[in-house]
Amino acid sequence: MSPGSLGALALAMLLAAPASAHEGHAPPPVPPAPGPRFEAPAPGSYALPPIARVQEHALLGPDGERVPLLGLAPAEVAFVSFVYLHCADACPAATAMLQRLDQALAERPALARRVRLVTVSFDPARDTPEAMGALALRLGPRTRWRFLTAASPGEMRPVLEDFGQDAAVLPGAGPGGADVLRHVLKVFLVDAEGRVRNVYSTGFLDLRLLLNDALTLTGPEAAGSEASAPSR
């Protein structure tokens, strides 16, 4: 089974699970990751020069209130993933990776204080604040993980353009004639100044790399007693 298929199956299981994370039950298990494809360099042994810059954007949280997409303090970073909940291909893989990252950060409090995870839906017509809130309940975040959407597709468009995230509508191309959003999987690493420091797609969506990149940007204080991220 391919990594994309693993991700799709994983998120399907997560979405089917009862929303019980806040009812005294454990969140669904983190799905297994595909095997490593490369050796991740040690944190701090390399540089991540800025490759683009994005603006701050106010979007809707699960309660319908507007919150900053990033909302970072100095020396903090964010991993930003754009998805839509009816996706059966790339989006589940990205969400499964952020769930693994959330769990790994929970075991590294010093680093977790410097990192925010952000899942943004680029299908606001279907992915309402309530729907994003239901996803959050099912995933049971242990660290700072925001689930955001927009009031309309028109409000989301400048956000996607700012990040360089493609999302083309294919009317009626999905099961039962549902619309499909064609896009490339991207997870963005952004610092507190809005500088994009890395963009991960399918081949580089590796937990060790994401952790080591975060450690490289946040410095030795965020590492605590750890010299590097463990293997997956």
Protein backbone atom coordinates (compact mmCIF):
# COMPACT_ATOMS: atom_id res chain seq x y z
CA MET A 1 0.00 0.00 0.00
CA SER A 2 1.35 3.44 -0.93
CA PRO A 3 1.96 6.23 1.65
CA GLY A 4 -0.99 8.15 0.16
CA SER A 5 -3.24 5.12 0.58
CA LEU A 6 -2.06 4.66 4.17
CA GLY A 7 -2.87 8.29 4.88
CA ALA A 8 -6.29 8.08 3.30
CA LEU A 9 -7.16 4.96 5.28
CA ALA A 10 -5.85 6.55 8.48
CA LEU A 11 -7.94 9.70 8.21
CA ALA A 12 -11.01 7.73 7.17
CA MET A 13 -10.65 5.80 10.42
CA LEU A 14 -10.16 9.02 12.37
CA LEU A 15 -13.23 10.66 10.87
CA ALA A 16 -15.33 7.58 11.53
CA ALA A 17 -14.31 7.41 15.18
CA PRO A 18 -16.71 8.89 17.77
CA ALA A 19 -15.92 12.39 18.98
CA SER A 20 -14.89 11.16 22.41
CA ALA A 21 -11.48 12.73 22.97
CA HIS A 22 -13.04 15.23 25.34
CA GLU A 23 -15.35 12.70 26.99
CA GLY A 24 -12.76 10.83 29.03
CA HIS A 25 -11.59 8.54 26.23
CA ALA A 26 -8.26 8.49 24.40
CA PRO A 27 -8.09 9.98 20.89
CA PRO A 28 -7.76 7.55 17.97
CA PRO A 29 -4.33 5.94 17.63
CA VAL A 30 -1.74 7.67 15.49
CA PRO A 31 -1.53 5.78 12.17
CA PRO A 32 1.76 4.10 11.28
CA ALA A 33 4.19 6.07 9.15
CA PRO A 34 5.73 4.70 5.97
CA GLY A 35 9.38 3.70 6.24
CA PRO A 36 12.06 6.40 6.07
CA ARG A 37 13.24 7.39 2.60
CA PHE A 38 16.39 9.26 3.64
CA GLU A 39 18.54 10.16 6.62
CA ALA A 40 17.39 13.39 8.27
CA PRO A 41 20.29 15.78 9.00
CA ALA A 42 21.00 16.64 12.61
CA PRO A 43 19.25 19.80 13.88
CA GLY A 44 21.45 22.88 13.75
CA SER A 45 23.83 21.30 11.21
CA TYR A 46 22.21 23.15 8.31
CA ALA A 47 20.46 26.43 7.48
CA LEU A 48 16.90 27.08 6.34
CA PRO A 49 17.06 30.40 4.46
CA PRO A 50 13.69 32.11 3.79
CA ILE A 51 12.15 31.11 0.48
CA ALA A 52 9.02 33.30 0.57
CA ARG A 53 7.06 35.56 2.88
CA VAL A 54 3.37 35.39 3.82
CA GLN A 55 1.08 37.84 5.55
CA GLU A 56 -0.97 37.19 8.66
CA HIS A 57 -4.59 36.29 7.89
CA ALA A 58 -7.62 36.20 10.17
CA LEU A 59 -9.73 33.06 9.67
CA LEU A 60 -12.55 31.28 11.51
CA GLY A 61 -11.90 28.89 14.37
CA PRO A 62 -14.26 26.07 15.39
CA ASP A 63 -16.30 28.50 17.51
CA GLY A 64 -16.82 30.81 14.54
CA GLU A 65 -14.61 33.53 16.02
CA ARG A 66 -11.81 35.07 13.98
CA VAL A 67 -8.28 34.14 14.99
CA PRO A 68 -4.88 34.69 13.35
CA LEU A 69 -3.78 31.92 11.05
CA LEU A 70 -0.28 31.98 12.55
CA GLY A 71 -0.45 33.99 15.78
CA LEU A 72 3.22 33.41 16.54
CA ALA A 73 5.38 35.03 19.19
CA PRO A 74 9.09 35.72 18.55
CA ALA A 75 11.19 32.54 18.17
CA GLU A 76 8.11 30.43 17.39
CA VAL A 77 7.32 28.54 14.17
CA ALA A 78 4.20 27.04 12.62
CA PHE A 79 3.53 24.06 10.40
CA VAL A 80 0.61 24.98 8.14
CA SER A 81 -1.34 22.42 6.13
CA PHE A 82 -4.14 23.20 3.65
CA VAL A 83 -6.70 20.40 3.27
CA TYR A 84 -10.37 19.72 2.66
CA LEU A 85 -12.40 17.16 4.56
CA HIS A 86 -13.85 15.35 1.52
CA CYS A 87 -10.37 14.67 0.14
CA ALA A 88 -9.45 10.98 -0.24
CA ASP A 89 -5.87 11.34 -1.46
CA ALA A 90 -3.23 13.83 -0.26
CA CYS A 91 -5.10 15.56 2.56
CA PRO A 92 -5.41 12.49 4.81
CA ALA A 93 -1.66 11.89 4.54
CA ALA A 94 -0.93 15.48 5.58
CA THR A 95 -3.36 15.33 8.51
CA ALA A 96 -1.95 12.00 9.67
CA MET A 97 1.55 13.51 9.63
CA LEU A 98 0.45 16.50 11.71
CA GLN A 99 -1.13 14.10 14.17
CA ARG A 100 2.17 12.23 14.50
CA LEU A 101 3.94 15.57 14.88
CA ASP A 102 1.46 16.64 17.57
CA GLN A 103 2.16 13.48 19.55
CA ALA A 104 5.93 13.85 19.13
CA LEU A 105 5.80 17.47 20.30
CA ALA A 106 3.76 16.48 23.34
CA GLU A 107 6.75 14.41 24.44
CA ARG A 108 9.06 17.44 23.99
CA PRO A 109 7.51 20.28 26.05
CA ALA A 110 10.36 22.74 25.44
CA LEU A 111 9.94 22.42 21.69
CA ALA A 112 6.14 22.25 21.84
CA ARG A 113 6.07 25.71 23.44
CA ARG A 114 7.74 27.08 20.28
CA VAL A 115 5.66 25.25 17.67
CA ARG A 116 2.09 25.69 16.45
CA LEU A 117 0.27 23.32 14.10
CA VAL A 118 -2.37 24.76 11.77
CA THR A 119 -4.84 22.85 9.59
CA VAL A 120 -6.73 25.13 7.20
CA SER A 121 -9.60 24.01 4.97
CA PHE A 122 -9.64 25.49 1.49
CA ASP A 123 -13.23 24.23 1.02
CA PRO A 124 -15.14 26.63 3.29
CA ALA A 125 -18.42 26.03 1.48
CA ARG A 126 -18.52 22.50 2.97
CA ASP A 127 -15.95 22.66 5.76
CA THR A 128 -17.72 24.92 8.24
CA PRO A 129 -16.25 25.94 11.60
CA GLU A 130 -18.38 23.21 13.18
CA ALA A 131 -16.95 20.60 10.82
CA MET A 132 -13.41 21.68 11.62
CA GLY A 133 -14.26 21.54 15.31
CA ALA A 134 -15.51 17.98 14.89
CA LEU A 135 -12.21 17.06 13.23
CA ALA A 136 -10.32 18.58 16.15
CA LEU A 137 -12.37 16.53 18.62
CA ARG A 138 -11.64 13.35 16.73
CA LEU A 139 -7.91 14.02 16.52
CA GLY A 140 -7.63 15.04 20.18
CA PRO A 141 -4.68 17.50 19.89
CA ARG A 142 -2.16 17.40 22.72
CA THR A 143 -0.31 20.58 21.70
CA ARG A 144 -1.16 23.91 20.08
CA TRP A 145 -3.06 22.84 16.94
CA ARG A 146 -5.50 25.21 15.24
CA PHE A 147 -8.28 24.08 12.88
CA LEU A 148 -9.42 26.94 10.65
CA THR A 149 -11.69 27.72 7.73
CA ALA A 150 -13.01 30.84 6.01
CA ALA A 151 -16.39 32.49 5.71
CA SER A 152 -16.42 31.95 1.93
CA PRO A 153 -14.29 30.71 -0.98
CA GLY A 154 -13.65 34.34 -1.89
CA GLU A 155 -12.16 35.00 1.54
CA MET A 156 -9.94 31.93 1.26
CA ARG A 157 -8.61 32.80 -2.21
CA PRO A 158 -6.06 35.47 -1.15
CA VAL A 159 -4.78 33.16 1.60
CA LEU A 160 -4.08 30.40 -0.92
CA GLU A 161 -2.48 32.87 -3.31
CA ASP A 162 -0.27 34.25 -0.54
CA PHE A 163 1.02 30.78 0.36
CA GLY A 164 1.21 29.58 -3.23
CA GLN A 165 -1.18 26.70 -2.51
CA ASP A 166 -3.02 25.53 -5.61
CA ALA A 167 -6.65 24.36 -5.39
CA ALA A 168 -8.56 23.90 -8.66
CA VAL A 169 -12.23 22.89 -8.54
CA LEU A 170 -13.19 19.89 -10.69
CA PRO A 171 -17.02 20.01 -10.74
CA GLY A 172 -18.71 16.64 -10.43
CA ALA A 173 -15.48 14.64 -10.58
CA GLY A 174 -15.95 12.88 -7.25
CA PRO A 175 -18.14 10.00 -6.09
CA GLY A 176 -21.83 10.71 -6.59
CA GLY A 177 -21.00 13.76 -8.70
CA ALA A 178 -19.35 15.65 -5.84
CA ASP A 179 -16.86 18.38 -6.61
CA VAL A 180 -13.19 17.54 -6.21
CA LEU A 181 -10.43 20.02 -5.40
CA ARG A 182 -7.26 19.18 -7.31
CA HIS A 183 -4.15 20.29 -5.44
CA VAL A 184 -0.58 19.40 -4.55
CA LEU A 185 0.12 18.31 -0.98
CA LYS A 186 2.12 21.02 0.78
CA VAL A 187 2.96 21.62 4.42
CA PHE A 188 4.57 25.00 5.11
CA LEU A 189 7.06 25.80 7.87
CA VAL A 190 6.69 29.50 8.72
CA ASP A 191 8.55 31.58 11.30
CA ALA A 192 7.26 34.43 13.47
CA GLU A 193 8.15 37.02 10.82
CA GLY A 194 6.00 35.31 8.20
CA ARG A 195 8.99 33.84 6.36
CA VAL A 196 8.44 30.45 4.78
CA ARG A 197 11.47 28.37 5.73
CA ASN A 198 10.53 25.06 4.14
CA VAL A 199 7.75 23.45 2.10
CA TYR A 200 7.19 19.71 2.40
CA SER A 201 5.43 17.62 -0.21
CA THR A 202 4.90 13.88 -0.42
CA GLY A 203 8.52 12.78 -0.74
CA PHE A 204 9.75 14.90 2.18
CA LEU A 205 6.83 14.64 4.60
CA ASP A 206 9.01 12.89 7.17
CA LEU A 207 8.50 13.29 10.93
CA ARG A 208 12.23 13.33 11.68
CA LEU A 209 12.81 16.10 9.15
CA LEU A 210 9.93 18.24 10.46
CA LEU A 211 11.15 17.93 14.04
CA ASN A 212 14.77 18.66 13.15
CA ASP A 213 13.76 21.67 11.06
CA ALA A 214 11.76 23.04 13.99
CA LEU A 215 14.73 22.50 16.31
CA THR A 216 17.06 24.17 13.81
CA LEU A 217 14.89 27.32 13.72
CA THR A 218 13.97 27.54 17.40
CA GLY A 219 17.48 26.94 18.73
CA PRO A 220 19.05 24.84 21.49
CA GLU A 221 16.74 26.14 24.23
CA ALA A 222 13.78 24.44 22.53
CA ALA A 223 15.71 21.19 22.30
CA GLY A 224 15.91 20.78 26.08
CA SER A 225 18.09 17.79 26.80
CA GLU A 226 17.58 16.29 23.35
CA ALA A 227 20.28 16.63 20.72
CA SER A 228 18.12 15.43 17.86
CA ALA A 229 14.78 13.95 16.96
CA PRO A 230 14.52 10.18 17.29
CA SER A 231 13.85 7.87 14.43
CA ARG A 232 10.28 7.16 13.49
